[in-house]
Protein backbone atom coordinates (compact mmCIF):
# COMPACT_ATOMS: atom_id res chain seq x y z
CA MET A 1 236.63 70.14 180.41
CA THR A 2 233.71 70.75 182.81
CA MET A 3 234.38 69.81 186.39
CA PRO A 4 231.75 67.71 188.10
CA THR A 5 230.85 70.41 190.63
CA GLY A 6 228.04 72.77 190.74
CA ARG A 7 228.41 76.19 189.21
CA SER A 8 226.43 79.40 189.36
CA SER A 9 224.11 80.00 186.43
CA GLY A 10 224.44 83.85 186.96
CA ASN A 11 221.07 84.40 188.61
CA GLY A 12 222.02 82.76 191.94
CA ALA A 13 220.78 79.31 191.28
CA GLU A 14 223.25 76.37 191.28
CA ARG A 15 223.50 74.31 188.08
CA PRO A 16 223.55 70.65 188.76
CA PRO A 17 226.87 68.79 188.09
CA ARG A 18 227.56 67.77 184.58
CA ALA A 19 228.52 64.18 184.06
CA VAL A 20 231.82 63.55 182.56
CA THR A 21 232.72 60.15 180.88
CA ARG A 22 236.29 59.93 182.05
CA ALA A 23 237.37 57.18 179.60
CA GLY A 24 235.74 58.89 176.57
CA GLY A 25 237.09 62.32 177.53
CA VAL A 26 240.62 61.04 177.93
CA GLN A 27 240.43 59.21 174.64
CA SER A 28 239.25 62.37 172.92
CA VAL A 29 242.11 64.46 174.31
CA ASP A 30 244.58 61.60 173.39
CA ARG A 31 243.33 61.72 169.74
CA ALA A 32 243.41 65.42 169.49
CA VAL A 33 247.10 65.30 170.58
CA GLN A 34 247.72 62.66 168.03
CA VAL A 35 246.15 64.79 165.27
CA MET A 36 248.43 67.69 166.22
CA GLU A 37 251.49 65.45 166.20
CA ILE A 38 250.64 64.05 162.79
CA LEU A 39 250.36 67.71 161.53
CA ALA A 40 253.72 68.67 163.27
CA ARG A 41 255.29 65.71 161.47
CA ASP A 42 253.57 66.15 158.02
CA GLY A 43 253.08 69.87 157.80
CA ARG A 44 249.51 69.45 156.59
CA SER A 45 247.08 66.54 155.98
CA GLY A 46 243.65 65.77 154.89
CA VAL A 47 240.98 64.46 157.36
CA GLY A 48 240.75 61.19 155.54
CA ARG A 49 244.45 60.46 155.84
CA ILE A 50 244.47 61.31 159.45
CA ALA A 51 241.46 59.03 160.17
CA LYS A 52 243.14 56.34 158.30
CA GLU A 53 246.35 56.70 160.44
CA LEU A 54 244.49 56.75 163.66
CA GLY A 55 242.20 53.94 162.71
CA VAL A 56 238.94 55.90 163.41
CA HIS A 57 236.07 57.06 161.35
CA GLN A 58 236.49 60.26 159.39
CA SER A 59 233.69 61.93 161.23
CA THR A 60 235.45 61.41 164.44
CA VAL A 61 238.50 63.36 163.01
CA SER A 62 236.26 66.04 161.63
CA ARG A 63 234.83 66.70 165.05
CA LEU A 64 238.24 66.75 166.68
CA VAL A 65 239.55 69.18 164.01
CA ALA A 66 236.47 71.49 164.57
CA ALA A 67 237.23 71.54 168.20
CA LEU A 68 240.96 72.37 167.53
CA GLU A 69 240.02 75.00 165.08
CA ALA A 70 237.83 76.68 167.74
CA HIS A 71 240.97 77.23 169.79
CA ASP A 72 243.11 78.25 166.80
CA LEU A 73 245.21 75.13 167.29
CA VAL A 74 244.67 73.95 163.71
CA GLU A 75 243.49 75.73 160.61
CA ARG A 76 242.62 75.32 156.96
CA GLN A 77 243.43 77.59 154.02
CA VAL A 78 240.05 76.79 152.42
CA GLU A 79 236.95 75.23 153.91
CA GLY A 80 237.12 71.48 153.75
CA GLY A 81 240.88 71.48 152.67
CA ALA A 82 243.97 70.16 154.25
CA VAL A 83 244.52 70.83 158.05
CA GLN A 84 247.62 72.27 159.29
CA LEU A 85 248.79 73.62 162.81
CA GLY A 86 247.36 77.04 163.71
CA VAL A 87 248.62 80.21 165.42
CA GLY A 88 247.31 79.10 168.77
CA ILE A 89 250.27 76.63 168.92
CA LEU A 90 252.63 79.61 168.86
CA ARG A 91 250.70 81.22 171.75
CA LEU A 92 251.14 78.14 173.90
CA ALA A 93 254.71 77.59 172.90
CA ALA A 94 255.58 81.27 173.89
CA ALA A 95 253.96 80.86 177.22
CA THR A 96 255.84 77.58 177.87
CA ARG A 97 259.25 78.98 176.87
CA SER A 98 258.89 82.15 178.94
CA ARG A 99 258.46 80.02 182.04
CA GLN A 100 260.86 77.21 181.36
CA ASP A 101 264.28 78.63 180.33
CA LEU A 102 267.23 76.54 179.78
CA THR A 103 268.70 76.78 183.27
CA ALA A 104 265.30 75.99 185.02
CA VAL A 105 264.95 72.98 182.98
CA GLY A 106 268.47 71.78 182.76
CA GLY A 107 269.51 72.70 186.37
CA PRO A 108 268.12 69.63 187.99
CA VAL A 109 269.60 67.26 185.36
CA CYS A 110 273.04 69.03 185.86
CA ASP A 111 272.76 68.48 189.64
CA ALA A 112 271.87 64.88 189.30
CA LEU A 113 274.80 64.29 186.86
CA ALA A 114 277.26 66.17 189.09
CA GLU A 115 276.20 63.92 191.96
CA GLN A 116 276.50 60.90 189.79
CA LEU A 117 279.89 61.47 188.41
CA GLY A 118 281.40 63.26 191.30
CA GLU A 119 282.60 65.97 188.87
CA THR A 120 281.79 69.58 188.03
CA VAL A 121 279.07 69.95 185.30
CA ASN A 122 278.34 73.03 183.21
CA LEU A 123 275.69 74.18 180.95
CA ALA A 124 276.90 76.60 178.18
CA VAL A 125 275.57 78.46 175.20
CA TYR A 126 276.99 80.23 172.10
CA ARG A 127 277.27 83.94 172.52
CA SER A 128 279.19 86.33 170.37
CA GLY A 129 282.01 83.94 169.48
CA ALA A 130 282.38 82.32 172.76
CA ALA A 131 280.80 79.57 174.98
CA VAL A 132 279.16 81.24 178.00
CA ASN A 133 278.31 79.22 181.06
CA LEU A 134 274.94 79.63 182.40
CA TYR A 135 274.89 76.93 185.14
CA GLN A 136 277.34 74.94 187.27
CA ALA A 137 276.78 71.97 189.54
CA GLN A 138 279.49 70.57 191.91
CA GLY A 139 279.85 66.91 192.60
CA THR A 140 280.65 65.81 196.13
CA ARG A 141 284.08 64.67 195.26
CA THR A 142 285.06 67.76 193.36
CA VAL A 143 288.30 69.46 194.14
CA ALA A 144 287.50 73.20 194.52
CA LEU A 145 287.26 74.22 190.76
CA HIS A 146 286.78 77.61 189.37
CA ASN A 147 283.08 78.81 189.24
CA TRP A 148 282.54 79.26 185.58
CA VAL A 149 278.95 80.76 185.66
CA GLY A 150 278.96 84.00 183.55
CA ASP A 151 282.40 83.38 182.10
CA ALA A 152 282.82 83.42 178.42
CA THR A 153 285.34 80.74 177.33
CA VAL A 154 286.89 80.05 173.92
CA LEU A 155 285.35 77.64 171.38
CA HIS A 156 288.54 75.68 170.23
CA ALA A 157 290.04 74.66 173.55
CA THR A 158 286.97 73.70 175.56
CA SER A 159 284.67 70.60 175.35
CA SER A 160 281.57 72.76 175.37
CA GLY A 161 283.07 75.30 172.85
CA LYS A 162 283.87 72.39 170.49
CA VAL A 163 280.31 71.01 170.60
CA LEU A 164 278.92 74.54 169.85
CA LEU A 165 281.48 75.28 167.20
CA ALA A 166 280.79 71.85 165.60
CA HIS A 167 277.16 72.78 165.09
CA LEU A 168 277.53 76.43 163.92
CA PRO A 169 276.72 77.39 160.38
CA PRO A 170 279.65 76.25 158.11
CA ALA A 171 280.83 79.66 157.31
CA GLN A 172 280.75 80.75 160.83
CA SER A 173 282.62 77.76 161.99
CA GLU A 174 285.22 78.03 159.39
CA ALA A 175 285.87 81.59 160.39
CA VAL A 176 286.77 80.41 163.93
CA ILE A 177 288.84 77.39 162.72
CA THR A 178 290.99 79.34 160.23
CA GLY A 179 291.35 82.28 162.52
CA ASP A 180 294.08 83.13 165.01
CA LEU A 181 293.68 80.39 167.61
CA GLU A 182 295.14 81.22 170.99
CA ARG A 183 297.47 78.56 172.62
CA PHE A 184 296.78 78.12 176.38
CA THR A 185 298.72 74.99 177.10
CA ALA A 186 301.02 72.56 175.22
CA GLN A 187 297.98 70.48 174.40
CA THR A 188 295.86 73.32 172.82
CA ILE A 189 294.88 72.49 169.22
CA VAL A 190 295.76 75.53 167.13
CA GLU A 191 296.26 73.85 163.78
CA ALA A 192 293.08 74.34 161.54
CA ASP A 193 293.10 70.79 159.99
CA ALA A 194 293.57 69.05 163.24
CA LEU A 195 290.69 70.95 164.98
CA ARG A 196 288.45 70.49 161.92
CA ALA A 197 289.07 66.77 162.11
CA GLN A 198 288.31 66.67 165.82
CA LEU A 199 285.00 68.58 165.31
CA GLN A 200 283.88 66.22 162.59
CA GLU A 201 284.63 63.30 164.97
CA ALA A 202 282.70 64.98 167.74
CA ALA A 203 279.74 65.36 165.44
CA VAL A 204 279.78 61.73 164.41
CA ARG A 205 280.14 60.20 168.07
CA GLY A 206 277.93 62.67 169.65
CA TRP A 207 280.54 64.14 172.30
CA ALA A 208 283.63 66.32 172.20
CA VAL A 209 286.66 66.28 174.53
CA ALA A 210 289.30 68.67 175.78
CA GLU A 211 292.34 67.05 177.42
CA GLU A 212 294.36 69.71 179.16
CA GLU A 213 293.77 72.18 176.36
CA TYR A 214 292.48 75.06 178.34
CA GLU A 215 294.01 74.52 181.72
CA GLU A 216 296.94 72.10 182.60
CA GLY A 217 295.58 69.20 184.62
CA LEU A 218 292.00 69.74 183.67
CA ASN A 219 289.98 67.36 181.29
CA ALA A 220 286.39 67.76 180.05
CA VAL A 221 283.82 66.11 177.82
CA ALA A 222 280.67 67.66 176.49
CA ALA A 223 277.42 66.77 174.50
CA ALA A 224 275.00 68.88 172.57
CA ILE A 225 271.55 69.90 173.90
CA CYS A 226 268.87 70.26 171.16
CA GLY A 227 265.72 72.63 171.15
CA PRO A 228 262.31 71.55 169.97
CA GLU A 229 263.10 72.08 166.31
CA GLY A 230 266.28 69.84 166.59
CA ASN A 231 268.94 72.58 166.42
CA VAL A 232 271.78 72.72 168.88
CA ILE A 233 271.05 75.34 171.36
CA ALA A 234 273.52 74.49 174.33
CA ALA A 235 276.29 72.30 175.42
CA LEU A 236 276.45 70.08 178.59
CA SER A 237 279.95 69.31 179.92
CA ALA A 238 281.59 67.39 182.82
CA ALA A 239 285.09 68.46 183.88
CA GLY A 240 287.55 67.16 186.54
CA PRO A 241 291.18 66.75 187.21
CA ALA A 242 293.09 64.69 184.74
CA TYR A 243 294.36 62.10 187.29
CA ARG A 244 290.63 61.31 187.95
CA LEU A 245 288.97 62.06 184.65
CA GLY A 246 291.64 60.48 182.53
CA ARG A 247 291.54 59.21 179.04
CA GLY A 248 290.43 55.68 179.94
CA ARG A 249 287.52 57.06 181.78
CA LEU A 250 286.50 59.74 179.16
CA PRO A 251 284.32 57.49 176.94
CA GLU A 252 282.22 56.17 180.04
CA VAL A 253 281.62 59.69 181.29
CA ALA A 254 280.93 61.05 177.74
CA GLU A 255 277.98 58.47 177.50
CA GLN A 256 276.64 59.59 180.72
CA VAL A 257 276.88 63.21 179.68
CA ARG A 258 275.31 62.45 176.38
CA GLN A 259 272.41 60.67 178.06
CA ALA A 260 271.88 63.76 180.37
CA ALA A 261 272.10 66.15 177.54
CA LYS A 262 269.43 64.04 175.75
CA GLU A 263 267.19 64.15 178.76
CA ILE A 264 267.51 68.06 178.89
CA SER A 265 266.65 68.18 175.18
CA ARG A 266 263.55 65.94 175.77
CA ARG A 267 262.39 68.32 178.50
CA LEU A 268 262.86 71.18 176.26
CA GLY A 269 260.47 69.50 173.81
CA HIS A 270 262.88 67.93 171.40
CA ARG A 271 261.29 64.84 169.79
CA PRO A 272 264.00 62.96 167.52
CA GLU A 273 261.30 60.98 165.85
CA MET A 274 259.45 64.23 164.81
CA THR A 275 262.52 66.33 163.75
CA GLY A 276 264.60 63.58 162.13
């Protein structure tokens, strides 16, 4: 977009400002974005079908497609054929992901959730058979808990681990479930059938719980964080002493954690209506 200020023409003379019709410019940008969202949803589409969905003339979509093609944001296999997203989208996505990693995007949400709950909040990812904590936020009421950042914790006895385990490929998940599960407390689930049932329940309701399974007196609840393609890439958890984060409070806290995880997913580019 040309800014309405004078620019040098290269020979020392100043070019006059170019008029910009704000309403028309914004509308064109909005329609161009809609075109790309339609292609992201459908894979590919004809100009006529896109025009019909947007409620505009086919020539309008043709001009939008031509502009997007000039920047490699859309492409066609044959001239006049169906339109699909182009390689330019990958270039933009790579630039975005390199700047906004999971902790940078999720950190502020974790901080806000910890303040809201008054408990410890952690962000964890799956790495080499364990849940590795990348970020931790402390609530104002938190009793000095261990700093889990950088620690690798087991999958079967932690809430974050269960969320990640529930969304691993089936063969990989089964290898853990049927493996030699270590018992940490009297509450640790080490029976394959019981653990499998709990993971299935977690997948259905959207959150997993660990009640004094990794440490006595410590309860936790976690929910999944999704990436742009809809796959689970991390888990968000809240943990606290069992006397404060008891069984009666867990569902309420779980819903707050689930909403916070959903917000992180949204900030990472996850659009449920586009992936589901």
